[in-house]
Amino acid sequence: MKTVNVGIIGGGLMGREVASAFARWRALVETPVTPQLTAVADLNSDTLSWFERIPSAKLLTTDYQELLSSENVDVVYVAVPHHLHEQLYIDVIEAGKDLLAEKPFGIDLDAAKSIGEAAKRSSRFVRCSSEFPFFPGAFAAYKAAKSADFGRILEVRAGFLHSSDLDPDKASNWKRNNSTCGKIGVMGDLGMHVAHVPLRLGWVPFSVYAQLQKGYAERRGEPCDTWDNATLQLWVEQEDAEPFRMQWEMKRLAPGETDTWYFEVLGTDGGVRYSTKEPKTLWRFRRDQSMQLWERTDLGFQTPFPAVTGGIFEPGFPDVIQQMWCAYFTEREGLKEDEGLFSATPDEAVMTHRVFDAELGSHASQSAISIGR
């Protein structure tokens, strides 16, 4: 089995999650490669010390250029604040490394386009992180929607909700400031997780009406100026039918939610619904003459890439991040066979920024506005 050497820039929460996913790689039954973490770069030496427990991580450095110069790094994963994306991502690409980048792929639309153009100029394999499609239920919902047996699509809803900012005494951090998170705020933080499946299904919106909301103006005396909640009402063209409404919902202030992803499609003849609140459950809607029926399927641990875990168990975030990386490596090796096994492309990441750029204008004008291409 081929070994791929991976370097991480940004050794915080997500960097440790990725290292942990690699450590339990043998849980996957079939995979074209074995990833090996060989290098980590982070400005904080205390953060780097966590990775000393990984024998293959020989290079621990505070200088990311040292990591990019290493011959023992093939792929780089970058998880840093949004204002650092453009420079770091382009540096990775121009160093001749393949890249799995964290969302939102730049602090704003201009940055995202710059990164996307650099990826196109190169021969590097570049994708954007998004774990949601790799939940078994989300993957099943994607395949059901792709089969186009729902009649005329009437409505699509997708969202990512949590309550991480409900506590007013929580300390501020870089995600609470426009200068580091971006003016799009919560949409940069959560938006790709919401937009990924609809965009891959070809549902590219042409107009948006945005409703944005801020939470606390300051935390422990530190100002907070980003948007915390966003609901986007979008319109999408469909062939031989009227446009349909699509809603994207992204919230950090969602009472009653811990960490909920959901996706729902409703058509005249059928539909599908999945939420991580019920991680094993897929709901299908169908119209049978005069009857309207919702049917429940208990999916279990039937992940896109088979694992040793028994089918009766429930999947969780550590499982789906490993599935996402397996999809990345599979596609990188040119072995992708199922269109459902995917990571978000640079074009899809740029498209999310086009939507989010338009929503800022929509909120400012309190009107629906067109989304540029």
Protein backbone atom coordinates (compact mmCIF):
# COMPACT_ATOMS: atom_id res chain seq x y z
CA MET A 1 0.00 0.00 0.00
CA LYS A 2 1.35 3.39 -1.02
CA THR A 3 2.42 5.77 1.75
CA VAL A 4 1.62 9.48 1.42
CA ASN A 5 3.53 11.88 3.64
CA VAL A 6 1.38 14.66 5.10
CA GLY A 7 2.34 17.92 6.72
CA ILE A 8 0.03 20.05 8.87
CA ILE A 9 0.18 23.83 9.13
CA GLY A 10 -1.82 24.83 12.18
CA GLY A 11 -1.69 22.28 14.97
CA GLY A 12 -4.81 23.32 16.87
CA LEU A 13 -8.06 21.40 17.26
CA MET A 14 -8.44 20.36 13.62
CA GLY A 15 -4.75 19.57 13.24
CA ARG A 16 -5.02 17.16 16.17
CA GLU A 17 -8.21 15.67 14.71
CA VAL A 18 -6.42 14.95 11.45
CA ALA A 19 -3.45 13.38 13.24
CA SER A 20 -5.87 11.20 15.22
CA ALA A 21 -7.67 10.12 12.03
CA PHE A 22 -4.36 8.99 10.55
CA ALA A 23 -3.46 7.12 13.76
CA ARG A 24 -6.52 4.88 13.39
CA TRP A 25 -6.26 4.49 9.60
CA ARG A 26 -6.32 0.68 9.87
CA ALA A 27 -9.98 0.97 10.80
CA LEU A 28 -10.65 1.37 7.07
CA VAL A 29 -11.10 -1.89 5.20
CA GLU A 30 -10.09 -0.63 1.76
CA THR A 31 -7.97 2.43 1.02
CA PRO A 32 -5.50 3.15 -1.77
CA VAL A 33 -2.91 4.79 0.49
CA THR A 34 -1.67 4.98 4.04
CA PRO A 35 -1.16 8.57 5.23
CA GLN A 36 1.81 9.29 7.43
CA LEU A 37 2.11 12.52 9.39
CA THR A 38 5.72 13.66 8.93
CA ALA A 39 5.71 17.38 9.74
CA VAL A 40 3.77 19.99 11.71
CA ALA A 41 4.19 23.76 11.69
CA ASP A 42 2.67 26.06 14.29
CA LEU A 43 3.80 29.34 15.84
CA ASN A 44 3.08 28.01 19.33
CA SER A 45 5.75 25.62 20.62
CA ASP A 46 3.35 24.33 23.29
CA THR A 47 0.94 23.32 20.52
CA LEU A 48 3.74 21.51 18.72
CA SER A 49 4.58 19.51 21.83
CA TRP A 50 1.29 17.56 21.46
CA PHE A 51 2.62 16.04 18.23
CA GLU A 52 5.76 14.67 19.90
CA ARG A 53 3.71 11.54 20.67
CA ILE A 54 3.59 10.72 16.93
CA PRO A 55 6.83 8.91 15.97
CA SER A 56 6.57 9.69 12.23
CA ALA A 57 6.31 13.46 12.85
CA LYS A 58 10.04 14.11 12.70
CA LEU A 59 9.76 17.80 11.79
CA LEU A 60 8.05 20.09 14.33
CA THR A 61 8.71 23.71 13.44
CA THR A 62 7.47 27.25 14.02
CA ASP A 63 8.42 28.14 10.42
CA TYR A 64 5.95 26.79 7.87
CA GLN A 65 8.41 27.49 5.05
CA GLU A 66 10.66 24.81 6.57
CA LEU A 67 7.78 22.36 6.27
CA LEU A 68 7.15 23.36 2.64
CA SER A 69 10.84 22.84 1.84
CA SER A 70 10.81 19.29 3.20
CA GLU A 71 11.13 16.45 0.71
CA ASN A 72 9.23 14.29 3.20
CA VAL A 73 5.94 16.13 2.64
CA ASP A 74 3.62 15.31 -0.30
CA VAL A 75 0.31 16.74 0.92
CA VAL A 76 -0.29 19.70 3.21
CA TYR A 77 -3.33 20.31 5.37
CA VAL A 78 -3.78 23.91 6.51
CA ALA A 79 -6.04 24.95 9.41
CA VAL A 80 -5.38 28.59 10.32
CA PRO A 81 -7.49 31.76 10.73
CA HIS A 82 -9.18 32.95 7.55
CA HIS A 83 -7.04 36.05 7.01
CA LEU A 84 -4.00 33.78 6.59
CA HIS A 85 -5.54 31.49 3.97
CA GLU A 86 -4.58 33.30 0.78
CA GLN A 87 -0.85 33.59 1.46
CA LEU A 88 -0.46 30.14 2.99
CA TYR A 89 -2.53 28.26 0.43
CA ILE A 90 -0.74 29.86 -2.50
CA ASP A 91 2.63 29.21 -0.85
CA VAL A 92 1.71 25.52 -0.47
CA ILE A 93 0.66 25.26 -4.12
CA GLU A 94 3.73 27.09 -5.42
CA ALA A 95 5.97 24.87 -3.28
CA GLY A 96 4.75 21.93 -5.38
CA LYS A 97 2.64 20.33 -2.65
CA ASP A 98 -0.93 19.06 -2.90
CA LEU A 99 -3.38 20.79 -0.57
CA LEU A 100 -6.41 20.05 1.54
CA ALA A 101 -7.46 23.50 2.68
CA GLU A 102 -9.83 24.49 5.43
CA LYS A 103 -12.96 26.45 4.58
CA PRO A 104 -13.84 29.13 3.65
CA PHE A 105 -10.86 29.11 1.24
CA GLY A 106 -9.89 32.73 1.88
CA ILE A 107 -11.21 35.59 3.95
CA ASP A 108 -13.31 37.01 1.09
CA LEU A 109 -14.22 36.55 -2.57
CA ASP A 110 -11.05 38.17 -3.92
CA ALA A 111 -8.87 35.90 -1.79
CA ALA A 112 -10.83 32.81 -2.84
CA LYS A 113 -10.50 33.70 -6.52
CA SER A 114 -6.76 34.27 -6.08
CA ILE A 115 -6.33 30.84 -4.49
CA GLY A 116 -8.50 29.20 -7.14
CA GLU A 117 -6.48 30.78 -9.94
CA ALA A 118 -3.22 29.58 -8.35
CA ALA A 119 -4.63 26.06 -8.19
CA LYS A 120 -5.61 26.16 -11.87
CA ARG A 121 -2.17 27.42 -12.91
CA SER A 122 -0.53 24.52 -11.11
CA SER A 123 -0.74 20.77 -11.51
CA ARG A 124 -1.43 20.35 -7.81
CA PHE A 125 -4.43 18.50 -6.39
CA VAL A 126 -6.37 21.02 -4.30
CA ARG A 127 -9.58 20.50 -2.36
CA CYS A 128 -11.49 22.24 0.44
CA SER A 129 -12.44 20.54 3.69
CA SER A 130 -16.08 19.57 4.26
CA GLU A 131 -17.01 16.57 6.35
CA PHE A 132 -20.82 16.52 6.25
CA PRO A 133 -21.30 14.43 3.05
CA PHE A 134 -19.44 11.55 4.66
CA PHE A 135 -22.04 10.83 7.31
CA PRO A 136 -23.83 7.72 6.01
CA GLY A 137 -27.18 9.53 6.13
CA ALA A 138 -25.90 12.62 4.34
CA PHE A 139 -24.31 10.42 1.67
CA ALA A 140 -27.57 8.48 1.26
CA ALA A 141 -29.56 11.73 1.04
CA TYR A 142 -27.17 13.03 -1.62
CA LYS A 143 -27.58 9.87 -3.71
CA ALA A 144 -31.37 9.98 -3.33
CA ALA A 145 -31.49 13.62 -4.45
CA LYS A 146 -29.15 12.89 -7.35
CA SER A 147 -31.48 10.14 -8.62
CA ALA A 148 -34.00 12.88 -9.56
CA ASP A 149 -37.13 10.82 -8.76
CA PHE A 150 -38.77 13.55 -6.66
CA GLY A 151 -40.76 15.12 -9.47
CA ARG A 152 -40.52 18.89 -9.61
CA ILE A 153 -38.27 20.21 -6.84
CA LEU A 154 -40.18 22.65 -4.63
CA GLU A 155 -37.86 23.36 -1.74
CA VAL A 156 -34.36 22.60 -0.44
CA ARG A 157 -33.16 23.33 3.08
CA ALA A 158 -29.65 22.92 4.43
CA GLY A 159 -28.13 24.14 7.66
CA PHE A 160 -25.48 23.91 10.33
CA LEU A 161 -26.56 24.98 13.80
CA HIS A 162 -24.79 25.11 17.12
CA SER A 163 -24.89 27.09 20.34
CA SER A 164 -21.20 27.77 20.90
CA ASP A 165 -21.76 31.51 21.37
CA LEU A 166 -24.79 31.47 23.69
CA ASP A 167 -22.63 31.96 26.78
CA PRO A 168 -21.91 35.71 27.12
CA ASP A 169 -18.93 34.96 29.40
CA LYS A 170 -17.13 32.93 26.76
CA ALA A 171 -13.84 34.55 25.75
CA SER A 172 -13.52 36.14 22.34
CA ASN A 173 -11.24 34.68 19.68
CA TRP A 174 -10.28 35.24 16.05
CA LYS A 175 -13.63 33.95 14.79
CA ARG A 176 -15.40 36.90 16.43
CA ASN A 177 -13.61 39.65 14.50
CA ASN A 178 -13.96 40.78 10.89
CA SER A 179 -10.22 41.40 10.56
CA THR A 180 -9.39 37.72 11.07
CA CYS A 181 -12.65 35.85 10.32
CA GLY A 182 -13.90 38.08 7.51
CA LYS A 183 -16.97 40.26 7.08
CA ILE A 184 -18.98 37.16 6.17
CA GLY A 185 -18.59 35.96 9.77
CA VAL A 186 -20.43 32.72 10.53
CA MET A 187 -20.82 32.00 6.81
CA GLY A 188 -17.06 31.64 6.48
CA ASP A 189 -16.98 29.38 9.51
CA LEU A 190 -19.94 27.11 8.70
CA GLY A 191 -20.98 27.92 5.15
CA MET A 192 -19.10 25.26 3.16
CA HIS A 193 -20.67 22.56 5.33
CA VAL A 194 -24.10 23.83 4.26
CA ALA A 195 -23.36 24.63 0.61
CA HIS A 196 -21.28 21.61 -0.38
CA VAL A 197 -24.02 19.06 -1.09
CA PRO A 198 -26.40 21.48 -2.89
CA LEU A 199 -23.60 22.81 -5.11
CA ARG A 200 -22.42 19.31 -5.97
CA LEU A 201 -25.99 18.50 -7.00
CA GLY A 202 -25.78 21.41 -9.43
CA TRP A 203 -28.08 23.71 -7.46
CA VAL A 204 -26.25 26.98 -8.01
CA PRO A 205 -28.37 29.92 -6.79
CA PHE A 206 -28.91 33.02 -8.93
CA SER A 207 -30.31 35.38 -6.27
CA VAL A 208 -30.18 35.79 -2.51
CA TYR A 209 -32.10 37.53 0.25
CA ALA A 210 -30.09 37.53 3.47
CA GLN A 211 -31.08 37.86 7.11
CA LEU A 212 -28.03 38.39 9.32
CA GLN A 213 -27.82 38.67 13.08
CA LYS A 214 -25.09 39.55 15.58
CA GLY A 215 -24.86 38.16 19.08
CA TYR A 216 -22.86 39.91 21.80
CA ALA A 217 -21.06 43.14 20.93
CA GLU A 218 -18.20 42.24 23.24
CA ARG A 219 -16.84 39.35 25.27
CA ARG A 220 -14.82 39.99 28.43
CA GLY A 221 -14.24 43.54 27.25
CA GLU A 222 -13.07 42.49 23.78
CA PRO A 223 -15.17 43.78 20.83
CA CYS A 224 -16.92 41.24 18.58
CA ASP A 225 -18.10 42.49 15.19
CA THR A 226 -18.84 39.39 13.09
CA TRP A 227 -22.22 38.00 12.07
CA ASP A 228 -23.18 35.10 14.33
CA ASN A 229 -26.38 33.92 12.60
CA ALA A 230 -27.26 33.90 8.91
CA THR A 231 -30.31 32.69 7.00
CA LEU A 232 -30.11 32.95 3.22
CA GLN A 233 -33.17 32.65 1.02
CA LEU A 234 -31.97 31.59 -2.43
CA TRP A 235 -33.56 30.90 -5.81
CA VAL A 236 -32.29 28.15 -8.11
CA GLU A 237 -33.14 27.50 -11.75
CA GLN A 238 -34.40 24.07 -12.78
CA GLU A 239 -34.90 22.68 -16.25
CA ASP A 240 -38.46 22.72 -17.63
CA ALA A 241 -39.92 24.07 -14.38
CA GLU A 242 -40.21 27.17 -12.25
CA PRO A 243 -37.21 28.05 -10.05
CA PHE A 244 -37.24 26.54 -6.58
CA ARG A 245 -36.48 28.05 -3.21
CA MET A 246 -33.38 26.98 -1.30
CA GLN A 247 -32.57 28.00 2.26
CA TRP A 248 -29.10 27.95 3.82
CA GLU A 249 -29.05 28.40 7.58
CA MET A 250 -25.83 28.95 9.58
CA LYS A 251 -26.00 29.78 13.28
CA ARG A 252 -23.67 30.00 16.27
CA LEU A 253 -26.55 31.20 18.46
CA ALA A 254 -29.10 28.40 18.07
CA PRO A 255 -30.70 27.58 21.44
CA GLY A 256 -31.20 23.86 21.89
CA GLU A 257 -28.55 22.87 19.37
CA THR A 258 -25.12 21.45 20.11
CA ASP A 259 -23.83 20.65 16.65
CA THR A 260 -26.53 19.87 14.08
CA TRP A 261 -26.12 19.48 10.32
CA TYR A 262 -29.25 18.92 8.23
CA PHE A 263 -30.27 18.58 4.58
CA GLU A 264 -33.78 18.27 3.14
CA VAL A 265 -35.24 18.13 -0.38
CA LEU A 266 -38.97 18.21 -1.08
CA GLY A 267 -40.53 17.64 -4.50
CA THR A 268 -43.98 17.05 -5.88
CA ASP A 269 -43.49 13.26 -5.90
CA GLY A 270 -40.87 12.61 -3.24
CA GLY A 271 -38.20 13.88 -0.95
CA VAL A 272 -35.47 13.08 1.54
CA ARG A 273 -34.34 14.39 4.92
CA TYR A 274 -31.26 13.83 7.06
CA SER A 275 -30.07 15.43 10.30
CA THR A 276 -27.18 14.57 12.58
CA LYS A 277 -29.64 14.79 15.45
CA GLU A 278 -30.58 11.27 14.34
CA PRO A 279 -27.21 10.07 13.02
CA LYS A 280 -28.40 6.63 11.89
CA THR A 281 -31.74 7.72 10.42
CA LEU A 282 -32.69 8.63 6.86
CA TRP A 283 -36.22 9.88 6.10
CA ARG A 284 -37.73 9.46 2.63
CA PHE A 285 -40.95 11.07 1.46
CA ARG A 286 -43.15 9.71 -1.31
CA ARG A 287 -46.60 10.46 -2.66
CA ASP A 288 -48.63 7.34 -3.40
CA GLN A 289 -51.90 8.29 -5.09
CA SER A 290 -53.90 9.97 -2.31
CA MET A 291 -51.39 9.07 0.43
CA GLN A 292 -48.37 11.10 1.56
CA LEU A 293 -45.83 8.91 3.32
CA TRP A 294 -42.65 9.48 5.32
CA GLU A 295 -40.55 6.30 5.59
CA ARG A 296 -37.70 5.80 8.04
CA THR A 297 -34.54 3.81 7.32
CA ASP A 298 -32.10 2.92 10.12
CA LEU A 299 -28.75 3.10 8.33
CA GLY A 300 -26.22 2.29 11.01
CA PHE A 301 -22.50 2.53 10.34
CA GLN A 302 -22.61 2.10 6.55
CA THR A 303 -19.96 4.68 5.69
CA PRO A 304 -19.01 5.48 2.05
CA PHE A 305 -15.63 3.80 2.61
CA PRO A 306 -16.10 0.51 4.53
CA ALA A 307 -14.62 0.27 8.01
CA VAL A 308 -14.12 -2.53 10.52
CA THR A 309 -16.79 -0.95 12.74
CA GLY A 310 -19.95 -3.04 12.80
CA GLY A 311 -22.99 -1.77 10.93
CA ILE A 312 -25.12 -1.52 14.07
CA PHE A 313 -23.07 1.36 15.49
CA GLU A 314 -23.48 5.11 15.02
CA PRO A 315 -20.98 7.29 13.13
CA GLY A 316 -19.46 10.42 14.65
CA PHE A 317 -17.22 13.31 13.67
CA PRO A 318 -13.92 11.39 14.10
CA ASP A 319 -15.30 8.82 11.64
CA VAL A 320 -16.42 11.28 8.99
CA ILE A 321 -13.20 13.30 9.05
CA GLN A 322 -11.36 10.04 8.35
CA GLN A 323 -13.83 9.29 5.55
CA MET A 324 -13.21 12.75 4.05
CA TRP A 325 -9.47 12.15 4.01
CA CYS A 326 -9.95 8.73 2.42
CA ALA A 327 -12.05 10.39 -0.30
CA TYR A 328 -9.33 13.01 -0.79
CA PHE A 329 -6.60 10.40 -1.19
CA THR A 330 -8.78 8.19 -3.41
CA GLU A 331 -9.54 11.05 -5.79
CA ARG A 332 -5.91 12.20 -5.68
CA GLU A 333 -4.87 8.72 -6.85
CA GLY A 334 -7.32 8.90 -9.76
CA LEU A 335 -9.39 6.04 -8.36
CA LYS A 336 -12.63 7.90 -7.74
CA GLU A 337 -15.49 5.77 -9.06
CA ASP A 338 -18.58 7.03 -7.25
CA GLU A 339 -19.57 10.65 -7.72
CA GLY A 340 -20.73 10.71 -4.13
CA LEU A 341 -17.22 10.27 -2.75
CA PHE A 342 -15.93 13.79 -3.06
CA SER A 343 -14.25 16.72 -1.43
CA ALA A 344 -15.23 20.30 -2.22
CA THR A 345 -13.42 21.70 -5.26
CA PRO A 346 -11.82 25.14 -5.54
CA ASP A 347 -14.61 26.18 -7.93
CA GLU A 348 -17.23 25.19 -5.36
CA ALA A 349 -15.37 27.10 -2.66
CA VAL A 350 -15.24 30.21 -4.86
CA MET A 351 -18.96 29.84 -5.59
CA THR A 352 -19.76 29.89 -1.86
CA HIS A 353 -17.87 33.17 -1.64
CA ARG A 354 -19.89 34.59 -4.52
CA VAL A 355 -23.05 33.78 -2.58
CA PHE A 356 -21.68 35.20 0.68
CA ASP A 357 -20.39 38.33 -1.02
CA ALA A 358 -23.86 38.89 -2.47
CA GLU A 359 -25.56 38.29 0.87
CA LEU A 360 -23.62 41.17 2.42
CA GLY A 361 -25.10 43.44 -0.24
CA SER A 362 -28.52 41.93 0.25
CA HIS A 363 -28.52 42.54 3.99
CA ALA A 364 -27.27 46.10 3.55
CA SER A 365 -30.02 46.91 1.04
CA GLN A 366 -32.67 44.70 2.66
CA SER A 367 -33.50 43.32 -0.77
CA ALA A 368 -32.92 40.27 -2.94
CA ILE A 369 -29.92 40.71 -5.24
CA SER A 370 -28.37 38.72 -8.07
CA ILE A 371 -25.35 36.50 -7.47
CA GLY A 372 -22.41 37.06 -9.80
CA ARG A 373 -20.70 34.34 -11.78
